[in-house]
C-alpha cells in the first residue's frame, strides 16, 4: 500500500517549497500552498519559466509566520494570520489564459521581488471572498484551485523518480525538487499515480484528474538557476502524449480534493 514520505507546501508560486510533517488539505490543496504569487505590472503571473532567479528565494513557514530571503536582497516576514489584510487593494490577475481577483500583500514584498528580478513586480494573495474557480477539461466540471497552474494537488511516487533517473544518461540524478510535488509516496510501481482513480487517507479523498504536463521548470537547476536539457530529453523518450490532444511530456499526476482533512507523513493511502 502506498505510504506518504513527503509533504511539500509552496507558499509562493515558483519559489522554494517547505517540507511539513502534516498539512490540512482543503479544496484548493494543502494549506498555504500557492496562496501567494508574483505578478508583473499588467497582472500576469511570473514564474521560473521566464524568471529563473525565483529559484533563489528561500521560504520558511513556521506556524503562521512566512519568511522569505535571498542572498543580496535580505529577509522579509509576514504574519499569515494578521488581521486586516483582506482590506488590502484588490488586483485582477492572470494565470495563463484565466483571470481571478487577488489581494495585494505589501510594498516590502513588492520591493523584494522587484530588486531580485530587476523589474517592477507585485505580490498578491488569494482572497477568501474571491475563490478561483476553473473548468477542468479532464473532469468536465468546475473545480477550485489556488495559484497553481491548474489543479490543487500534485502526486509523485519515488518509483517514478527512480525510473526516470535510471534513464538519464551518464548517471545524472535529477533531484525531486525539480518537480514541485505536494505529495510523494513510496510503495507502488512507477507511474502508478497515473492509474489511481481515487486515493483516500482518513477523511481525505483525492480524485485523479490527469497526468501532469510539464513545462520547462523541471529543467531549471534549483541551486544555480541554469536551464539544462534534462529531464525533458529523457522524459520525451517514454512519457510523451499521455494526455489526449497534447504532445507534452508528463510526470506525476494532478488530483482534485473531494473530501478535506489532515494528511501526515507516514500515512498510508488506500488507492483504487
Protein backbone atom coordinates (compact mmCIF):
# COMPACT_ATOMS: atom_id res chain seq x y z
CA UNK A 1 0.00 0.00 0.00
CA UNK A 2 1.44 3.43 -0.90
CA UNK A 3 2.68 5.50 2.02
CA UNK A 4 3.31 9.26 2.14
CA UNK A 5 7.01 10.01 2.52
CA UNK A 6 6.99 13.76 1.90
CA UNK A 7 4.52 16.64 2.04
CA UNK A 8 5.57 19.95 0.49
CA UNK A 9 3.87 23.33 0.55
CA UNK A 10 4.87 26.03 -1.92
CA UNK A 11 3.50 29.23 -0.33
CA UNK A 12 4.71 31.49 -3.18
CA UNK A 13 4.19 30.22 -6.71
CA UNK A 14 7.51 29.27 -8.35
CA UNK A 15 9.59 29.84 -5.21
CA UNK A 16 11.10 27.17 -2.93
CA UNK A 17 8.93 24.67 -1.13
CA UNK A 18 8.59 23.95 2.58
CA UNK A 19 8.57 20.38 3.91
CA UNK A 20 5.88 19.78 6.53
CA UNK A 21 5.10 16.76 8.69
CA UNK A 22 1.37 17.27 8.36
CA UNK A 23 -0.97 19.55 6.48
CA UNK A 24 -4.63 20.41 6.33
CA UNK A 25 -5.99 19.61 2.87
CA UNK A 26 -8.75 21.90 1.64
CA UNK A 27 -10.46 22.02 -1.73
CA UNK A 28 -7.70 24.27 -3.10
CA UNK A 29 -4.93 21.95 -1.85
CA UNK A 30 -2.55 21.91 1.11
CA UNK A 31 -2.96 24.86 3.46
CA UNK A 32 -1.00 27.90 2.22
CA UNK A 33 0.06 26.11 -0.99
CA UNK A 34 0.41 28.62 -3.87
CA UNK A 35 -1.52 31.14 -1.79
CA UNK A 36 0.86 33.88 -2.96
CA UNK A 37 2.06 34.83 -6.42
CA UNK A 38 4.39 37.34 -8.06
CA UNK A 39 2.84 39.38 -10.87
CA UNK A 40 4.12 41.97 -13.35
CA UNK A 41 2.66 45.43 -13.94
CA UNK A 42 -0.06 44.01 -16.19
CA UNK A 43 -1.17 41.46 -13.59
CA UNK A 44 0.33 38.43 -15.35
CA UNK A 45 1.83 35.71 -13.17
CA UNK A 46 5.62 35.46 -13.03
CA UNK A 47 7.30 32.06 -12.81
CA UNK A 48 10.59 30.28 -13.38
CA UNK A 49 9.55 29.73 -16.97
CA UNK A 50 10.83 33.25 -17.67
CA UNK A 51 12.39 34.37 -14.36
CA UNK A 52 14.69 31.61 -13.18
CA UNK A 53 16.07 33.75 -10.32
CA UNK A 54 12.89 32.88 -8.41
CA UNK A 55 14.59 29.60 -7.54
CA UNK A 56 16.95 31.57 -5.27
CA UNK A 57 14.11 32.66 -2.96
CA UNK A 58 14.17 30.53 0.17
CA UNK A 59 10.91 30.18 2.05
CA UNK A 60 10.32 29.31 5.69
CA UNK A 61 6.94 28.61 7.21
CA UNK A 62 6.62 28.30 10.98
CA UNK A 63 3.14 28.30 12.43
CA UNK A 64 1.63 31.34 10.68
CA UNK A 65 4.90 33.23 10.06
CA UNK A 66 6.09 33.27 6.44
CA UNK A 67 9.72 34.26 5.90
CA UNK A 68 11.40 34.84 2.54
CA UNK A 69 15.08 35.50 1.94
CA UNK A 70 17.55 35.70 -0.93
CA UNK A 71 21.26 36.37 -0.95
CA UNK A 72 21.96 40.06 -1.51
CA UNK A 73 18.28 41.01 -1.17
CA UNK A 74 17.53 40.47 2.51
CA UNK A 75 14.79 38.89 4.58
CA UNK A 76 11.13 39.73 4.99
CA UNK A 77 8.49 38.23 7.23
CA UNK A 78 4.71 38.16 7.06
CA UNK A 79 2.19 37.01 9.64
CA UNK A 80 -0.30 34.99 7.61
CA UNK A 81 -2.99 35.41 10.24
CA UNK A 82 -2.51 39.17 10.64
CA UNK A 83 -5.87 40.92 10.82
CA UNK A 84 -6.87 43.44 8.21
CA UNK A 85 -5.10 42.04 5.16
CA UNK A 86 -8.42 41.25 3.49
CA UNK A 87 -8.97 45.01 3.16
CA UNK A 88 -5.84 45.41 1.02
CA UNK A 89 -6.10 46.61 -2.58
CA UNK A 90 -7.63 44.07 -4.96
CA UNK A 91 -5.96 43.19 -8.26
CA UNK A 92 -7.20 41.40 -11.35
CA UNK A 93 -4.54 38.78 -12.12
CA UNK A 94 -3.96 36.22 -14.85
CA UNK A 95 -2.61 32.67 -14.76
CA UNK A 96 -2.11 31.53 -18.33
CA UNK A 97 -5.44 32.37 -20.00
CA UNK A 98 -7.51 32.54 -16.81
CA UNK A 99 -8.29 35.56 -14.65
CA UNK A 100 -9.16 35.89 -10.99
CA UNK A 101 -9.19 38.50 -8.23
CA UNK A 102 -6.42 38.65 -5.63
CA UNK A 103 -5.35 40.86 -2.75
CA UNK A 104 -2.15 42.92 -2.77
CA UNK A 105 0.25 41.88 0.03
CA UNK A 106 2.53 44.78 0.91
CA UNK A 107 5.17 47.06 -0.60
CA UNK A 108 8.06 45.33 1.21
CA UNK A 109 7.32 42.11 -0.67
CA UNK A 110 6.94 44.08 -3.93
CA UNK A 111 10.35 45.70 -3.40
CA UNK A 112 11.97 42.35 -2.57
CA UNK A 113 10.91 40.71 -5.83
CA UNK A 114 11.39 43.85 -7.92
CA UNK A 115 15.02 44.02 -6.78
CA UNK A 116 15.52 40.28 -7.29
CA UNK A 117 14.14 40.27 -10.83
CA UNK A 118 15.24 43.74 -11.89
CA UNK A 119 11.78 44.89 -12.92
CA UNK A 120 8.62 46.18 -11.22
CA UNK A 121 6.68 43.39 -9.53
CA UNK A 122 3.86 42.99 -7.04
CA UNK A 123 2.97 40.13 -4.74
CA UNK A 124 -0.65 39.09 -4.37
CA UNK A 125 -2.53 36.64 -2.17
CA UNK A 126 -5.61 34.52 -2.71
CA UNK A 127 -8.62 36.32 -1.23
CA UNK A 128 -11.23 34.12 0.50
CA UNK A 129 -14.07 36.24 -0.88
CA UNK A 130 -12.90 35.61 -4.46
CA UNK A 131 -12.15 31.89 -4.82
CA UNK A 132 -10.50 30.83 -8.03
CA UNK A 133 -12.94 28.65 -9.96
CA UNK A 134 -11.94 26.98 -13.18
CA UNK A 135 -13.32 24.35 -15.52
CA UNK A 136 -11.31 21.13 -15.57
CA UNK A 137 -11.27 19.84 -19.14
CA UNK A 138 -10.19 16.44 -17.81
CA UNK A 139 -13.07 16.12 -15.32
CA UNK A 140 -15.58 18.21 -17.26
CA UNK A 141 -16.65 20.15 -14.20
CA UNK A 142 -15.83 23.21 -12.14
CA UNK A 143 -13.07 22.87 -9.55
CA UNK A 144 -11.35 25.15 -7.04
CA UNK A 145 -7.65 25.96 -7.23
CA UNK A 146 -5.14 28.29 -5.64
CA UNK A 147 -2.47 29.95 -7.82
CA UNK A 148 -1.29 26.53 -9.05
CA UNK A 149 -1.19 26.13 -12.81
CA UNK A 150 -4.48 24.27 -12.77
CA UNK A 151 -5.05 21.63 -10.09
CA UNK A 152 -4.90 21.56 -6.27
CA UNK A 153 -2.62 18.55 -5.68
CA UNK A 154 0.36 17.05 -7.48
CA UNK A 155 1.23 13.46 -6.54
CA UNK A 156 4.53 11.81 -7.46
CA UNK A 157 5.92 8.42 -6.49
CA UNK A 158 9.50 7.63 -5.56
CA UNK A 159 9.30 4.73 -8.00
CA UNK A 160 8.62 7.16 -10.85
CA UNK A 161 11.66 9.19 -9.81
CA UNK A 162 13.82 6.05 -9.70
CA UNK A 163 12.58 5.03 -13.13
CA UNK A 164 13.42 8.43 -14.60
CA UNK A 165 16.86 8.58 -13.01
CA UNK A 166 17.60 5.14 -14.40
CA UNK A 167 17.10 6.55 -17.90
CA UNK A 168 19.06 9.80 -17.62
CA UNK A 169 22.46 9.41 -19.36
CA UNK A 170 25.82 9.43 -17.57
CA UNK A 171 24.30 8.51 -14.22
CA UNK A 172 22.99 12.04 -13.65
CA UNK A 173 20.43 12.12 -10.86
CA UNK A 174 17.54 14.57 -11.22
CA UNK A 175 16.52 15.81 -7.76
CA UNK A 176 12.95 15.60 -6.57
CA UNK A 177 12.66 19.37 -6.07
CA UNK A 178 12.58 19.91 -9.85
CA UNK A 179 9.00 18.61 -10.00
CA UNK A 180 7.28 20.64 -7.25
CA UNK A 181 5.10 17.80 -6.00
CA UNK A 182 2.82 18.20 -2.98
CA UNK A 183 2.62 14.53 -2.03
CA UNK A 184 5.40 11.99 -2.56
CA UNK A 185 4.62 8.32 -1.98
CA UNK A 186 6.55 5.07 -1.65
CA UNK A 187 5.31 1.52 -2.10
CA UNK A 188 3.93 1.42 -5.63
CA UNK A 189 5.14 0.73 -9.15
CA UNK A 190 6.49 3.50 -11.40
CA UNK A 191 3.77 5.90 -12.56
CA UNK A 192 1.07 4.11 -10.58
CA UNK A 193 -0.11 7.62 -9.64
CA UNK A 194 -1.35 7.89 -13.25
CA UNK A 195 -3.68 4.95 -12.79
CA UNK A 196 -5.43 5.54 -9.46
CA UNK A 197 -9.00 6.78 -9.72
CA UNK A 198 -9.12 7.75 -6.04
CA UNK A 199 -6.63 7.97 -3.18
CA UNK A 200 -8.00 8.08 0.37
CA UNK A 201 -6.45 8.63 3.78
CA UNK A 202 -8.56 9.21 6.87
CA UNK A 203 -11.13 11.85 5.95
CA UNK A 204 -9.19 12.99 2.88
CA UNK A 205 -10.20 11.85 -0.58
CA UNK A 206 -8.32 12.77 -3.75
CA UNK A 207 -9.64 12.13 -7.26
CA UNK A 208 -7.33 11.66 -10.22
CA UNK A 209 -7.68 14.33 -12.91
CA UNK A 210 -4.86 13.80 -15.39
CA UNK A 211 -1.11 13.27 -15.74
CA UNK A 212 0.83 16.49 -15.17
CA UNK A 213 2.02 18.04 -18.43
CA UNK A 214 5.45 19.53 -17.88
CA UNK A 215 6.78 22.95 -18.82
CA UNK A 216 10.45 23.99 -18.75
CA UNK A 217 10.71 24.44 -14.96
CA UNK A 218 11.92 20.87 -14.25
CA UNK A 219 14.91 21.72 -16.45
CA UNK A 220 15.96 24.53 -14.08
CA UNK A 221 18.71 23.62 -11.60
CA UNK A 222 17.23 24.87 -8.32
CA UNK A 223 20.69 25.62 -6.90
CA UNK A 224 22.08 27.66 -9.79
CA UNK A 225 19.09 28.75 -11.87
CA UNK A 226 20.65 27.31 -15.01
CA UNK A 227 18.44 25.76 -17.67
CA UNK A 228 19.51 22.34 -18.93
CA UNK A 229 18.20 19.68 -21.31
CA UNK A 230 17.28 17.15 -18.65
CA UNK A 231 14.91 15.73 -17.59
CA UNK A 232 12.88 16.80 -20.65
CA UNK A 233 15.13 14.92 -23.06
CA UNK A 234 14.84 11.62 -21.18
CA UNK A 235 11.13 12.01 -20.41
CA UNK A 236 10.39 12.65 -24.09
CA UNK A 237 11.50 9.11 -24.88
CA UNK A 238 8.83 7.42 -22.79
CA UNK A 239 6.41 9.95 -21.25
CA UNK A 240 5.08 11.87 -24.24
CA UNK A 241 1.49 12.03 -25.49
CA UNK A 242 -0.25 10.71 -22.36
CA UNK A 243 -2.89 13.45 -22.41
CA UNK A 244 -5.32 13.48 -25.37
CA UNK A 245 -4.68 16.21 -27.96
CA UNK A 246 -1.30 17.08 -26.40
CA UNK A 247 2.23 16.02 -27.24
CA UNK A 248 3.63 17.31 -23.95
CA UNK A 249 5.76 15.13 -21.70
CA UNK A 250 4.08 14.15 -18.42
CA UNK A 251 5.47 13.29 -15.00
CA UNK A 252 3.48 12.95 -11.79
CA UNK A 253 -0.29 13.38 -11.72
CA UNK A 254 -2.83 16.06 -10.89
CA UNK A 255 -5.58 15.39 -8.38
CA UNK A 256 -8.57 17.31 -7.05
CA UNK A 257 -9.80 17.21 -3.47
CA UNK A 258 -13.24 15.69 -3.00
CA UNK A 259 -13.08 15.39 0.83
CA UNK A 260 -10.96 17.55 3.13
CA UNK A 261 -8.97 16.68 6.23
CA UNK A 262 -5.44 16.16 7.57
CA UNK A 263 -2.57 14.31 5.90
CA UNK A 264 0.64 13.28 7.70
CA UNK A 265 3.98 11.94 6.58
CA UNK A 266 3.80 8.19 7.14
CA UNK A 267 0.10 7.90 6.36
CA UNK A 268 -0.99 5.06 4.09
CA UNK A 269 -3.10 5.79 1.05
CA UNK A 270 -5.94 3.48 0.06
CA UNK A 271 -6.00 3.61 -3.72
CA UNK A 272 -8.10 2.13 -6.48
